[in-house]
Amino acid sequence: MPKVIRADQRGPAAHFNFDDIAAQAAEGVARARREAEAIIAEAVNAATAIRERAEIEGRQAAEKVVDRVLEEKVAAQFATLRPALDKGCREFALVRQQWLTEWEARVIRLATSIARRLIRRELAAVPDIPIALVREALQLAAGSTRLRLHMNPSDLDTLAPQVQRLLDQHASAATIELFVDTSISPGGCRVDTEHGSVDQQFESQLARVAEELT
């Protein structure tokens, strides 16, 4: 049998303060709003960071792709241009060598021209130089039994006695014929033998020096 509670048997009446309840509710709403805003802000920050990271990674990836494409294009273009570059380098080296050869030849010609002038000046100061050249030519031709000595007329006119003494000194070893030869330059001489010639002309000696230099 259910228990019957009489009205006078109830406990003391509960007292409700609706203002407090409203304030608590408002505080709860505000707290929830703040938490929601914080969550939203965190989510926004996270999304921004993800987007920035994605942009950086995407830009880096794009830069790598661009670099690779550029490298491939440059390599392809270089492979195309390589034969032309090699040819240009070879042509440049050839032109450079030709230029150096030409200038070396010019320097040698200039040097021989200067030497020729100096020799002429020395010859004028020391008129006995032709005698020394004749003596050297006869010594170089030693062993030949028949010699022909060619000299310039002007040298013979000036140095005939000295030349004759040289010929007399070598007369016992070889027969020597003396020729007046206008083709021989002043100061020089040429001795012809059965085996060849001994050319003591300054021009011939300078030409030999220039040939050795080149």
N, C-alpha and C. Protein backbone atom coordinates (compact mmCIF):
# COMPACT_ATOMS: atom_id res chain seq x y z
N MET A 1 0.85 -1.17 0.00
CA MET A 1 0.00 0.00 0.00
C MET A 1 0.88 1.22 0.00
N PRO A 2 0.70 2.06 -1.02
CA PRO A 2 1.55 3.26 -1.10
C PRO A 2 1.37 4.16 0.09
N LYS A 3 2.55 4.80 0.35
CA LYS A 3 2.55 5.72 1.49
C LYS A 3 1.94 7.03 1.10
N VAL A 4 1.07 7.50 1.96
CA VAL A 4 0.38 8.75 1.68
C VAL A 4 1.04 9.83 2.49
N ILE A 5 1.42 10.82 1.77
CA ILE A 5 2.08 11.95 2.45
C ILE A 5 1.09 13.08 2.51
N ARG A 6 0.86 13.51 3.68
CA ARG A 6 -0.07 14.62 3.89
C ARG A 6 0.66 15.94 3.65
N ALA A 7 -0.17 16.89 3.38
CA ALA A 7 0.38 18.21 3.06
C ALA A 7 1.15 18.77 4.20
N ASP A 8 0.74 18.45 5.38
CA ASP A 8 1.43 19.03 6.51
C ASP A 8 2.67 18.26 6.86
N GLN A 9 2.86 17.10 6.15
CA GLN A 9 4.06 16.32 6.42
C GLN A 9 5.22 16.67 5.48
N ARG A 10 5.06 17.52 4.44
CA ARG A 10 6.14 17.92 3.51
C ARG A 10 7.21 18.72 4.22
N GLY A 11 8.40 18.66 3.70
CA GLY A 11 9.52 19.39 4.26
C GLY A 11 9.40 20.87 3.98
N PRO A 12 10.37 21.58 4.39
CA PRO A 12 10.35 23.04 4.17
C PRO A 12 10.42 23.36 2.66
N ALA A 13 9.76 24.30 2.22
CA ALA A 13 9.67 24.70 0.78
C ALA A 13 11.03 25.23 0.30
N ALA A 14 11.47 24.71 -0.93
CA ALA A 14 12.75 25.18 -1.53
C ALA A 14 12.60 26.59 -2.03
N HIS A 15 13.68 27.36 -1.86
CA HIS A 15 13.65 28.75 -2.28
C HIS A 15 14.51 28.91 -3.54
N PHE A 16 14.00 29.32 -4.69
CA PHE A 16 14.70 29.51 -5.98
C PHE A 16 14.93 30.98 -6.22
N ASN A 17 16.27 31.33 -6.57
CA ASN A 17 16.60 32.70 -6.92
C ASN A 17 16.84 32.73 -8.43
N PHE A 18 15.88 33.22 -9.14
CA PHE A 18 15.96 33.23 -10.61
C PHE A 18 17.04 34.18 -11.11
N ASP A 19 17.39 35.19 -10.41
CA ASP A 19 18.47 36.10 -10.84
C ASP A 19 19.82 35.37 -10.86
N ASP A 20 20.04 34.56 -9.79
CA ASP A 20 21.29 33.82 -9.75
C ASP A 20 21.35 32.82 -10.89
N ILE A 21 20.24 32.18 -11.14
CA ILE A 21 20.20 31.20 -12.22
C ILE A 21 20.47 31.88 -13.55
N ALA A 22 19.90 33.05 -13.75
CA ALA A 22 20.10 33.77 -15.00
C ALA A 22 21.56 34.20 -15.16
N ALA A 23 22.16 34.64 -14.03
CA ALA A 23 23.55 35.08 -14.08
C ALA A 23 24.46 33.90 -14.40
N GLN A 24 24.18 32.75 -13.77
CA GLN A 24 24.98 31.56 -14.03
C GLN A 24 24.84 31.13 -15.50
N ALA A 25 23.60 31.22 -15.95
CA ALA A 25 23.38 30.84 -17.34
C ALA A 25 24.14 31.78 -18.29
N ALA A 26 24.08 33.08 -17.98
CA ALA A 26 24.77 34.05 -18.83
C ALA A 26 26.27 33.82 -18.79
N GLU A 27 26.80 33.51 -17.56
CA GLU A 27 28.23 33.25 -17.45
C GLU A 27 28.61 32.00 -18.22
N GLY A 28 27.77 30.99 -18.14
CA GLY A 28 28.03 29.76 -18.89
C GLY A 28 28.04 30.01 -20.38
N VAL A 29 27.07 30.83 -20.83
CA VAL A 29 27.03 31.16 -22.25
C VAL A 29 28.29 31.93 -22.66
N ALA A 30 28.67 32.89 -21.81
CA ALA A 30 29.86 33.69 -22.13
C ALA A 30 31.10 32.82 -22.16
N ARG A 31 31.19 31.89 -21.16
CA ARG A 31 32.34 31.00 -21.13
C ARG A 31 32.38 30.11 -22.36
N ALA A 32 31.21 29.62 -22.72
CA ALA A 32 31.12 28.78 -23.91
C ALA A 32 31.50 29.57 -25.16
N ARG A 33 31.05 30.85 -25.17
CA ARG A 33 31.37 31.68 -26.33
C ARG A 33 32.87 31.91 -26.41
N ARG A 34 33.47 32.17 -25.21
CA ARG A 34 34.91 32.40 -25.22
C ARG A 34 35.67 31.15 -25.66
N GLU A 35 35.24 30.03 -25.16
CA GLU A 35 35.88 28.79 -25.55
C GLU A 35 35.70 28.54 -27.04
N ALA A 36 34.51 28.85 -27.51
CA ALA A 36 34.27 28.66 -28.94
C ALA A 36 35.14 29.61 -29.77
N GLU A 37 35.24 30.86 -29.30
CA GLU A 37 36.07 31.82 -30.02
C GLU A 37 37.55 31.39 -30.00
N ALA A 38 37.97 30.87 -28.83
CA ALA A 38 39.36 30.41 -28.73
C ALA A 38 39.60 29.24 -29.68
N ILE A 39 38.63 28.33 -29.71
CA ILE A 39 38.76 27.18 -30.61
C ILE A 39 38.79 27.64 -32.05
N ILE A 40 37.89 28.61 -32.35
CA ILE A 40 37.85 29.12 -33.72
C ILE A 40 39.17 29.83 -34.07
N ALA A 41 39.67 30.66 -33.13
CA ALA A 41 40.92 31.37 -33.38
C ALA A 41 42.08 30.38 -33.58
N GLU A 42 42.10 29.33 -32.73
CA GLU A 42 43.15 28.32 -32.87
C GLU A 42 43.04 27.61 -34.20
N ALA A 43 41.78 27.33 -34.57
CA ALA A 43 41.58 26.67 -35.86
C ALA A 43 42.01 27.57 -37.01
N VAL A 44 41.70 28.87 -36.89
CA VAL A 44 42.11 29.82 -37.93
C VAL A 44 43.63 29.91 -38.00
N ASN A 45 44.26 29.98 -36.84
CA ASN A 45 45.73 30.05 -36.82
C ASN A 45 46.34 28.79 -37.41
N ALA A 46 45.75 27.65 -37.04
CA ALA A 46 46.25 26.39 -37.59
C ALA A 46 46.05 26.35 -39.09
N ALA A 47 44.90 26.79 -39.55
CA ALA A 47 44.63 26.80 -40.99
C ALA A 47 45.57 27.75 -41.70
N THR A 48 45.85 28.93 -41.09
CA THR A 48 46.78 29.89 -41.69
C THR A 48 48.19 29.30 -41.78
N ALA A 49 48.61 28.65 -40.68
CA ALA A 49 49.95 28.04 -40.68
C ALA A 49 50.03 26.95 -41.73
N ILE A 50 48.96 26.13 -41.82
CA ILE A 50 48.95 25.06 -42.82
C ILE A 50 49.00 25.66 -44.22
N ARG A 51 48.24 26.73 -44.44
CA ARG A 51 48.23 27.35 -45.76
C ARG A 51 49.59 27.95 -46.09
N GLU A 52 50.20 28.64 -45.11
CA GLU A 52 51.52 29.23 -45.35
C GLU A 52 52.56 28.15 -45.62
N ARG A 53 52.50 27.06 -44.82
CA ARG A 53 53.44 25.96 -45.04
C ARG A 53 53.23 25.33 -46.41
N ALA A 54 51.95 25.18 -46.74
CA ALA A 54 51.64 24.61 -48.06
C ALA A 54 52.12 25.52 -49.17
N GLU A 55 51.97 26.84 -48.97
CA GLU A 55 52.45 27.78 -49.98
C GLU A 55 53.97 27.70 -50.12
N ILE A 56 54.65 27.62 -48.97
CA ILE A 56 56.12 27.54 -49.01
C ILE A 56 56.56 26.25 -49.68
N GLU A 57 55.94 25.14 -49.24
CA GLU A 57 56.31 23.86 -49.83
C GLU A 57 55.95 23.82 -51.31
N GLY A 58 54.79 24.40 -51.63
CA GLY A 58 54.41 24.44 -53.04
C GLY A 58 55.35 25.31 -53.85
N ARG A 59 55.74 26.46 -53.29
CA ARG A 59 56.66 27.33 -53.99
C ARG A 59 58.02 26.66 -54.16
N GLN A 60 58.48 25.98 -53.10
CA GLN A 60 59.75 25.27 -53.21
C GLN A 60 59.68 24.16 -54.24
N ALA A 61 58.57 23.44 -54.21
CA ALA A 61 58.40 22.38 -55.21
C ALA A 61 58.36 22.96 -56.61
N ALA A 62 57.65 24.10 -56.74
CA ALA A 62 57.58 24.74 -58.06
C ALA A 62 58.95 25.23 -58.49
N GLU A 63 59.72 25.80 -57.53
CA GLU A 63 61.05 26.27 -57.87
C GLU A 63 61.95 25.11 -58.30
N LYS A 64 61.81 23.97 -57.61
CA LYS A 64 62.59 22.81 -58.02
C LYS A 64 62.23 22.36 -59.43
N VAL A 65 60.93 22.38 -59.69
CA VAL A 65 60.49 21.99 -61.03
C VAL A 65 61.04 22.96 -62.07
N VAL A 66 60.95 24.27 -61.75
CA VAL A 66 61.46 25.29 -62.68
C VAL A 66 62.96 25.13 -62.87
N ASP A 67 63.69 24.89 -61.75
CA ASP A 67 65.14 24.70 -61.86
C ASP A 67 65.47 23.50 -62.73
N ARG A 68 64.74 22.41 -62.52
CA ARG A 68 64.99 21.21 -63.30
C ARG A 68 64.71 21.45 -64.79
N VAL A 69 63.60 22.16 -65.05
CA VAL A 69 63.26 22.45 -66.44
C VAL A 69 64.32 23.35 -67.07
N LEU A 70 64.77 24.37 -66.30
CA LEU A 70 65.80 25.27 -66.82
C LEU A 70 67.10 24.51 -67.08
N GLU A 71 67.47 23.64 -66.13
CA GLU A 71 68.68 22.86 -66.32
C GLU A 71 68.59 22.00 -67.57
N GLU A 72 67.42 21.37 -67.74
CA GLU A 72 67.24 20.53 -68.93
C GLU A 72 67.32 21.36 -70.20
N LYS A 73 66.69 22.55 -70.18
CA LYS A 73 66.72 23.41 -71.37
C LYS A 73 68.14 23.90 -71.64
N VAL A 74 68.83 24.33 -70.57
CA VAL A 74 70.21 24.81 -70.74
C VAL A 74 71.10 23.69 -71.26
N ALA A 75 70.93 22.48 -70.69
CA ALA A 75 71.74 21.35 -71.15
C ALA A 75 71.46 21.04 -72.61
N ALA A 76 70.17 21.10 -72.98
CA ALA A 76 69.82 20.83 -74.38
C ALA A 76 70.40 21.90 -75.30
N GLN A 77 70.28 23.17 -74.89
CA GLN A 77 70.81 24.25 -75.72
C GLN A 77 72.34 24.16 -75.80
N PHE A 78 72.98 23.82 -74.67
CA PHE A 78 74.44 23.72 -74.68
C PHE A 78 74.88 22.57 -75.58
N ALA A 79 74.13 21.44 -75.51
CA ALA A 79 74.45 20.32 -76.39
C ALA A 79 74.33 20.73 -77.85
N THR A 80 73.37 21.61 -78.14
CA THR A 80 73.21 22.08 -79.52
C THR A 80 74.33 23.04 -79.91
N LEU A 81 74.71 23.88 -78.94
CA LEU A 81 75.73 24.89 -79.24
C LEU A 81 77.15 24.36 -79.10
N ARG A 82 77.35 23.21 -78.46
CA ARG A 82 78.69 22.69 -78.19
C ARG A 82 79.52 22.56 -79.45
N PRO A 83 79.01 21.97 -80.53
CA PRO A 83 79.84 21.87 -81.74
C PRO A 83 80.28 23.24 -82.25
N ALA A 84 79.35 24.22 -82.23
CA ALA A 84 79.71 25.56 -82.70
C ALA A 84 80.75 26.19 -81.78
N LEU A 85 80.61 25.98 -80.46
CA LEU A 85 81.59 26.53 -79.53
C LEU A 85 82.96 25.89 -79.73
N ASP A 86 82.96 24.56 -79.91
CA ASP A 86 84.24 23.87 -80.14
C ASP A 86 84.90 24.38 -81.43
N LYS A 87 84.09 24.54 -82.46
CA LYS A 87 84.62 25.04 -83.73
C LYS A 87 85.17 26.45 -83.56
N GLY A 88 84.41 27.30 -82.82
CA GLY A 88 84.88 28.66 -82.59
C GLY A 88 86.19 28.69 -81.82
N CYS A 89 86.32 27.80 -80.82
CA CYS A 89 87.57 27.74 -80.05
C CYS A 89 88.74 27.31 -80.93
N ARG A 90 88.48 26.32 -81.78
CA ARG A 90 89.55 25.87 -82.68
C ARG A 90 89.95 26.97 -83.65
N GLU A 91 88.96 27.68 -84.20
CA GLU A 91 89.27 28.76 -85.13
C GLU A 91 90.01 29.88 -84.42
N PHE A 92 89.59 30.19 -83.18
CA PHE A 92 90.29 31.24 -82.42
C PHE A 92 91.74 30.84 -82.16
N ALA A 93 91.95 29.57 -81.78
CA ALA A 93 93.33 29.11 -81.54
C ALA A 93 94.15 29.19 -82.82
N LEU A 94 93.53 28.84 -83.95
CA LEU A 94 94.26 28.89 -85.22
C LEU A 94 94.62 30.34 -85.58
N VAL A 95 93.64 31.25 -85.42
CA VAL A 95 93.90 32.66 -85.72
C VAL A 95 94.97 33.22 -84.79
N ARG A 96 94.90 32.83 -83.51
CA ARG A 96 95.90 33.30 -82.55
C ARG A 96 97.29 32.81 -82.95
N GLN A 97 97.39 31.54 -83.35
CA GLN A 97 98.68 31.00 -83.75
C GLN A 97 99.19 31.70 -85.00
N GLN A 98 98.30 31.96 -85.95
CA GLN A 98 98.70 32.67 -87.16
C GLN A 98 99.17 34.08 -86.83
N TRP A 99 98.44 34.72 -85.91
CA TRP A 99 98.83 36.09 -85.50
C TRP A 99 100.20 36.07 -84.84
N LEU A 100 100.44 35.10 -83.95
CA LEU A 100 101.74 35.02 -83.28
C LEU A 100 102.85 34.74 -84.29
N THR A 101 102.56 33.84 -85.24
CA THR A 101 103.57 33.52 -86.25
C THR A 101 103.91 34.74 -87.09
N GLU A 102 102.88 35.50 -87.46
CA GLU A 102 103.10 36.69 -88.27
C GLU A 102 103.92 37.72 -87.51
N TRP A 103 103.59 37.93 -86.24
CA TRP A 103 104.33 38.91 -85.47
C TRP A 103 105.75 38.45 -85.17
N GLU A 104 105.94 37.16 -84.97
CA GLU A 104 107.30 36.65 -84.80
C GLU A 104 108.12 36.90 -86.05
N ALA A 105 107.50 36.67 -87.22
CA ALA A 105 108.20 36.91 -88.47
C ALA A 105 108.55 38.39 -88.62
N ARG A 106 107.61 39.26 -88.23
CA ARG A 106 107.87 40.69 -88.33
C ARG A 106 109.01 41.11 -87.40
N VAL A 107 108.99 40.56 -86.18
CA VAL A 107 110.05 40.91 -85.23
C VAL A 107 111.41 40.43 -85.75
N ILE A 108 111.43 39.22 -86.31
CA ILE A 108 112.69 38.70 -86.84
C ILE A 108 113.17 39.55 -88.01
N ARG A 109 112.24 39.94 -88.89
CA ARG A 109 112.65 40.80 -90.01
C ARG A 109 113.19 42.13 -89.51
N LEU A 110 112.54 42.68 -88.51
CA LEU A 110 113.02 43.95 -87.95
C LEU A 110 114.40 43.76 -87.32
N ALA A 111 114.58 42.65 -86.58
CA ALA A 111 115.87 42.41 -85.93
C ALA A 111 116.97 42.23 -86.96
N THR A 112 116.69 41.48 -88.02
CA THR A 112 117.72 41.28 -89.05
C THR A 112 118.04 42.59 -89.77
N SER A 113 117.02 43.43 -89.97
CA SER A 113 117.26 44.72 -90.61
C SER A 113 118.16 45.60 -89.75
N ILE A 114 117.88 45.59 -88.45
CA ILE A 114 118.72 46.37 -87.53
C ILE A 114 120.14 45.80 -87.50
N ALA A 115 120.25 44.45 -87.47
CA ALA A 115 121.58 43.83 -87.46
C ALA A 115 122.35 44.15 -88.72
N ARG A 116 121.66 44.18 -89.86
CA ARG A 116 122.33 44.50 -91.13
C ARG A 116 122.91 45.92 -91.08
N ARG A 117 122.15 46.85 -90.54
CA ARG A 117 122.65 48.23 -90.44
C ARG A 117 123.84 48.32 -89.50
N LEU A 118 123.75 47.59 -88.39
CA LEU A 118 124.87 47.61 -87.45
C LEU A 118 126.13 47.00 -88.07
N ILE A 119 125.93 45.94 -88.85
CA ILE A 119 127.07 45.32 -89.51
C ILE A 119 127.71 46.27 -90.51
N ARG A 120 126.88 46.97 -91.25
CA ARG A 120 127.42 47.93 -92.22
C ARG A 120 128.19 49.03 -91.52
N ARG A 121 127.67 49.46 -90.40
CA ARG A 121 128.37 50.51 -89.65
C ARG A 121 129.71 49.98 -89.12
N GLU A 122 129.71 48.75 -88.62
CA GLU A 122 130.94 48.16 -88.10
C GLU A 122 131.94 47.92 -89.23
N LEU A 123 131.41 47.54 -90.39
CA LEU A 123 132.27 47.29 -91.54
C LEU A 123 132.98 48.57 -91.97
N ALA A 124 132.25 49.66 -91.91
CA ALA A 124 132.86 50.94 -92.28
C ALA A 124 133.93 51.35 -91.28
N ALA A 125 133.72 51.00 -90.00
CA ALA A 125 134.69 51.37 -88.97
C ALA A 125 135.88 50.43 -88.95
N VAL A 126 135.67 49.15 -89.34
CA VAL A 126 136.76 48.16 -89.32
C VAL A 126 136.86 47.56 -90.72
N PRO A 127 137.62 48.14 -91.63
CA PRO A 127 137.68 47.67 -93.02
C PRO A 127 138.32 46.31 -93.20
N ASP A 128 139.00 45.77 -92.18
CA ASP A 128 139.66 44.47 -92.32
C ASP A 128 138.71 43.29 -92.06
N ILE A 129 137.44 43.57 -91.77
CA ILE A 129 136.48 42.48 -91.51
C ILE A 129 136.40 41.50 -92.68
N PRO A 130 136.38 41.96 -93.95
CA PRO A 130 136.33 40.99 -95.07
C PRO A 130 137.47 39.99 -95.06
N ILE A 131 138.68 40.43 -94.64
CA ILE A 131 139.82 39.52 -94.58
C ILE A 131 139.54 38.38 -93.58
N ALA A 132 138.95 38.75 -92.44
CA ALA A 132 138.63 37.73 -91.44
C ALA A 132 137.61 36.74 -92.00
N LEU A 133 136.65 37.23 -92.78
CA LEU A 133 135.64 36.34 -93.37
C LEU A 133 136.25 35.43 -94.43
N VAL A 134 137.16 35.96 -95.24
CA VAL A 134 137.83 35.14 -96.25
C VAL A 134 138.65 34.06 -95.57
N ARG A 135 139.39 34.41 -94.53
CA ARG A 135 140.21 33.44 -93.81
C ARG A 135 139.33 32.32 -93.24
N GLU A 136 138.21 32.70 -92.65
CA GLU A 136 137.29 31.70 -92.08
C GLU A 136 136.71 30.81 -93.17
N ALA A 137 136.36 31.40 -94.32
CA ALA A 137 135.80 30.61 -95.42
C ALA A 137 136.82 29.60 -95.94
N LEU A 138 138.06 30.03 -96.06
CA LEU A 138 139.10 29.10 -96.53
C LEU A 138 139.33 27.97 -95.53
N GLN A 139 139.26 28.27 -94.26
CA GLN A 139 139.42 27.24 -93.24
C GLN A 139 138.27 26.23 -93.28
N LEU A 140 137.05 26.75 -93.49
CA LEU A 140 135.88 25.87 -93.57
C LEU A 140 135.93 24.98 -94.81
N ALA A 141 136.57 25.48 -95.85
CA ALA A 141 136.66 24.71 -97.10
C ALA A 141 137.90 23.82 -97.15
N ALA A 142 138.61 23.72 -96.06
CA ALA A 142 139.83 22.89 -96.03
C ALA A 142 139.48 21.45 -96.36
N GLY A 143 140.33 20.84 -97.14
CA GLY A 143 140.11 19.47 -97.59
C GLY A 143 139.74 19.39 -99.06
N SER A 144 139.29 20.52 -99.60
CA SER A 144 138.99 20.58 -101.04
C SER A 144 140.25 20.98 -101.78
N THR A 145 140.48 20.40 -102.92
CA THR A 145 141.70 20.67 -103.68
C THR A 145 141.53 21.80 -104.69
N ARG A 146 140.32 22.19 -104.95
CA ARG A 146 140.09 23.27 -105.91
C ARG A 146 139.03 24.22 -105.33
N LEU A 147 139.42 25.48 -105.19
CA LEU A 147 138.55 26.48 -104.58
C LEU A 147 138.40 27.67 -105.51
N ARG A 148 137.24 28.28 -105.41
CA ARG A 148 136.99 29.53 -106.15
C ARG A 148 136.48 30.56 -105.16
N LEU A 149 137.22 31.62 -105.01
CA LEU A 149 136.89 32.68 -104.08
C LEU A 149 136.23 33.84 -104.82
N HIS A 150 135.01 34.19 -104.38
CA HIS A 150 134.27 35.29 -104.99
C HIS A 150 134.22 36.45 -103.99
N MET A 151 134.58 37.65 -104.48
CA MET A 151 134.57 38.84 -103.63
C MET A 151 134.01 40.02 -104.41
N ASN A 152 133.53 40.99 -103.65
CA ASN A 152 133.01 42.21 -104.24
C ASN A 152 134.17 43.06 -104.79
N PRO A 153 133.98 43.73 -105.91
CA PRO A 153 135.07 44.53 -106.49
C PRO A 153 135.62 45.59 -105.54
N SER A 154 134.76 46.24 -104.79
CA SER A 154 135.24 47.30 -103.90
C SER A 154 136.15 46.74 -102.82
N ASP A 155 135.83 45.53 -102.33
CA ASP A 155 136.69 44.91 -101.31
C ASP A 155 138.04 44.51 -101.89
N LEU A 156 138.04 44.02 -103.12
CA LEU A 156 139.30 43.64 -103.75
C LEU A 156 140.18 44.86 -104.02
N ASP A 157 139.54 45.94 -104.41
CA ASP A 157 140.31 47.15 -104.66
C ASP A 157 141.00 47.62 -103.38
N THR A 158 140.34 47.46 -102.26
CA THR A 158 140.88 47.98 -100.99
C THR A 158 141.82 46.98 -100.32
N LEU A 159 141.51 45.68 -100.45
CA LEU A 159 142.22 44.67 -99.66
C LEU A 159 142.99 43.67 -100.51
N ALA A 160 143.31 44.02 -101.74
CA ALA A 160 143.97 43.07 -102.63
C ALA A 160 145.25 42.48 -102.03
N PRO A 161 146.16 43.27 -101.46
CA PRO A 161 147.40 42.69 -100.91
C PRO A 161 147.13 41.67 -99.81
N GLN A 162 146.24 41.97 -98.88
CA GLN A 162 145.94 41.04 -97.79
C GLN A 162 145.29 39.76 -98.32
N VAL A 163 144.42 39.91 -99.32
CA VAL A 163 143.76 38.74 -99.90
C VAL A 163 144.79 37.84 -100.58
N GLN A 164 145.72 38.46 -101.28
CA GLN A 164 146.74 37.67 -101.97
C GLN A 164 147.61 36.90 -100.98
N ARG A 165 147.95 37.51 -99.86
CA ARG A 165 148.76 36.82 -98.86
C ARG A 165 148.01 35.59 -98.31
N LEU A 166 146.69 35.73 -98.12
CA LEU A 166 145.89 34.58 -97.66
C LEU A 166 145.90 33.45 -98.69
N LEU A 167 145.75 33.84 -99.95
CA LEU A 167 145.75 32.83 -101.01
C LEU A 167 147.09 32.12 -101.08
N ASP A 168 148.17 32.87 -100.90
CA ASP A 168 149.50 32.27 -100.92
C ASP A 168 149.67 31.28 -99.77
N GLN A 169 149.09 31.60 -98.63
CA GLN A 169 149.22 30.71 -97.47
C GLN A 169 148.52 29.37 -97.70
N HIS A 170 147.45 29.38 -98.51
CA HIS A 170 146.69 28.15 -98.76
C HIS A 170 147.02 27.52 -100.11
N ALA A 171 147.97 28.11 -100.82
CA ALA A 171 148.28 27.62 -102.16
C ALA A 171 148.81 26.20 -102.16
N SER A 172 149.53 25.83 -101.09
CA SER A 172 150.10 24.48 -101.05
C SER A 172 149.04 23.40 -100.83
N ALA A 173 147.90 23.79 -100.28
CA ALA A 173 146.87 22.79 -99.97
C ALA A 173 145.81 22.70 -101.06
N ALA A 174 145.62 23.75 -101.83
CA ALA A 174 144.55 23.73 -102.84
C ALA A 174 144.84 24.76 -103.91
N THR A 175 144.25 24.55 -105.07
CA THR A 175 144.30 25.54 -106.13
C THR A 175 143.14 26.51 -105.92
N ILE A 176 143.46 27.81 -105.79
CA ILE A 176 142.44 28.80 -105.48
C ILE A 176 142.36 29.81 -106.63
N GLU A 177 141.17 29.98 -107.14
CA GLU A 177 140.92 30.98 -108.17
C GLU A 177 140.15 32.15 -107.53
N LEU A 178 140.54 33.35 -107.90
CA LEU A 178 139.90 34.54 -107.35
C LEU A 178 139.00 35.16 -108.42
N PHE A 179 137.74 35.40 -108.06
CA PHE A 179 136.77 35.97 -108.99
C PHE A 179 136.24 37.29 -108.44
N VAL A 180 136.20 38.28 -109.32
CA VAL A 180 135.54 39.55 -108.99
C VAL A 180 134.05 39.35 -109.30
N ASP A 181 133.22 39.48 -108.27
CA ASP A 181 131.80 39.14 -108.43
C ASP A 181 130.93 40.27 -107.86
N THR A 182 130.23 40.95 -108.75
CA THR A 182 129.37 42.05 -108.29
C THR A 182 128.14 41.56 -107.53
N SER A 183 127.82 40.28 -107.64
CA SER A 183 126.65 39.76 -106.91
C SER A 183 126.96 39.53 -105.43
N ILE A 184 128.26 39.57 -105.08
CA ILE A 184 128.65 39.43 -103.68
C ILE A 184 128.53 40.79 -103.01
N SER A 185 127.84 40.82 -101.87
CA SER A 185 127.65 42.10 -101.17
C SER A 185 128.97 42.54 -100.54
N PRO A 186 129.19 43.86 -100.46
CA PRO A 186 130.43 44.37 -99.87
C PRO A 186 130.64 43.83 -98.46
N GLY A 187 131.87 43.46 -98.18
CA GLY A 187 132.21 42.95 -96.85
C GLY A 187 132.17 41.44 -96.77
N GLY A 188 131.45 40.78 -97.66
CA GLY A 188 131.31 39.33 -97.60
C GLY A 188 132.10 38.64 -98.69
N CYS A 189 131.97 37.32 -98.74
CA CYS A 189 132.64 36.52 -99.77
C CYS A 189 131.94 35.18 -99.86
N ARG A 190 132.30 34.43 -100.89
CA ARG A 190 131.78 33.06 -101.03
C ARG A 190 132.88 32.19 -101.61
N VAL A 191 133.08 31.03 -101.05
CA VAL A 191 134.07 30.08 -101.54
C VAL A 191 133.31 28.86 -102.06
N ASP A 192 133.51 28.57 -103.35
CA ASP A 192 132.88 27.41 -103.97
C ASP A 192 133.88 26.26 -104.01
N THR A 193 133.40 25.07 -103.66
CA THR A 193 134.23 23.86 -103.72
C THR A 193 133.50 22.81 -104.56
N GLU A 194 134.16 21.68 -104.79
CA GLU A 194 133.50 20.62 -105.54
C GLU A 194 132.39 19.96 -104.74
N HIS A 195 132.32 20.27 -103.43
CA HIS A 195 131.31 19.67 -102.56
C HIS A 195 130.19 20.65 -102.19
N GLY A 196 130.38 21.92 -102.49
CA GLY A 196 129.37 22.91 -102.11
C GLY A 196 129.99 24.28 -101.97
N SER A 197 129.29 25.15 -101.25
CA SER A 197 129.76 26.53 -101.10
C SER A 197 129.77 26.92 -99.63
N VAL A 198 130.69 27.82 -99.31
CA VAL A 198 130.76 28.45 -97.99
C VAL A 198 130.42 29.91 -98.20
N ASP A 199 129.20 30.28 -97.82
CA ASP A 199 128.71 31.64 -98.08
C ASP A 199 128.95 32.49 -96.83
N GLN A 200 129.85 33.46 -96.95
CA GLN A 200 130.18 34.33 -95.83
C GLN A 200 129.60 35.74 -96.01
N GLN A 201 128.56 35.86 -96.78
CA GLN A 201 127.91 37.16 -96.93
C GLN A 201 127.02 37.41 -95.70
N PHE A 202 126.96 38.67 -95.29
CA PHE A 202 126.18 39.01 -94.10
C PHE A 202 124.70 38.67 -94.30
N GLU A 203 124.21 38.92 -95.49
CA GLU A 203 122.79 38.64 -95.76
C GLU A 203 122.49 37.15 -95.61
N SER A 204 123.39 36.33 -96.10
CA SER A 204 123.19 34.88 -95.99
C SER A 204 123.25 34.42 -94.54
N GLN A 205 124.19 34.97 -93.78
CA GLN A 205 124.30 34.59 -92.38
C GLN A 205 123.08 35.03 -91.59
N LEU A 206 122.59 36.26 -91.86
CA LEU A 206 121.39 36.73 -91.18
C LEU A 206 120.18 35.90 -91.57
N ALA A 207 120.12 35.49 -92.84
CA ALA A 207 119.00 34.65 -93.28
C ALA A 207 119.03 33.31 -92.56
N ARG A 208 120.22 32.74 -92.35
CA ARG A 208 120.32 31.48 -91.61
C ARG A 208 119.89 31.65 -90.17
N VAL A 209 120.28 32.77 -89.57
CA VAL A 209 119.88 33.02 -88.17
C VAL A 209 118.36 33.16 -88.09
N ALA A 210 117.77 33.92 -89.03
CA ALA A 210 116.31 34.10 -89.03
C ALA A 210 115.60 32.78 -89.24
N GLU A 211 116.15 31.94 -90.11
CA GLU A 211 115.54 30.64 -90.34
C GLU A 211 115.57 29.77 -89.09
N GLU A 212 116.69 29.82 -88.36
CA GLU A 212 116.77 29.05 -87.12
C GLU A 212 115.79 29.57 -86.08
N LEU A 213 115.60 30.88 -86.04
CA LEU A 213 114.68 31.47 -85.07
C LEU A 213 113.24 31.10 -85.37
N THR A 214 112.92 31.01 -86.65
CA THR A 214 111.53 30.69 -87.01
C THR A 214 111.26 29.20 -86.97
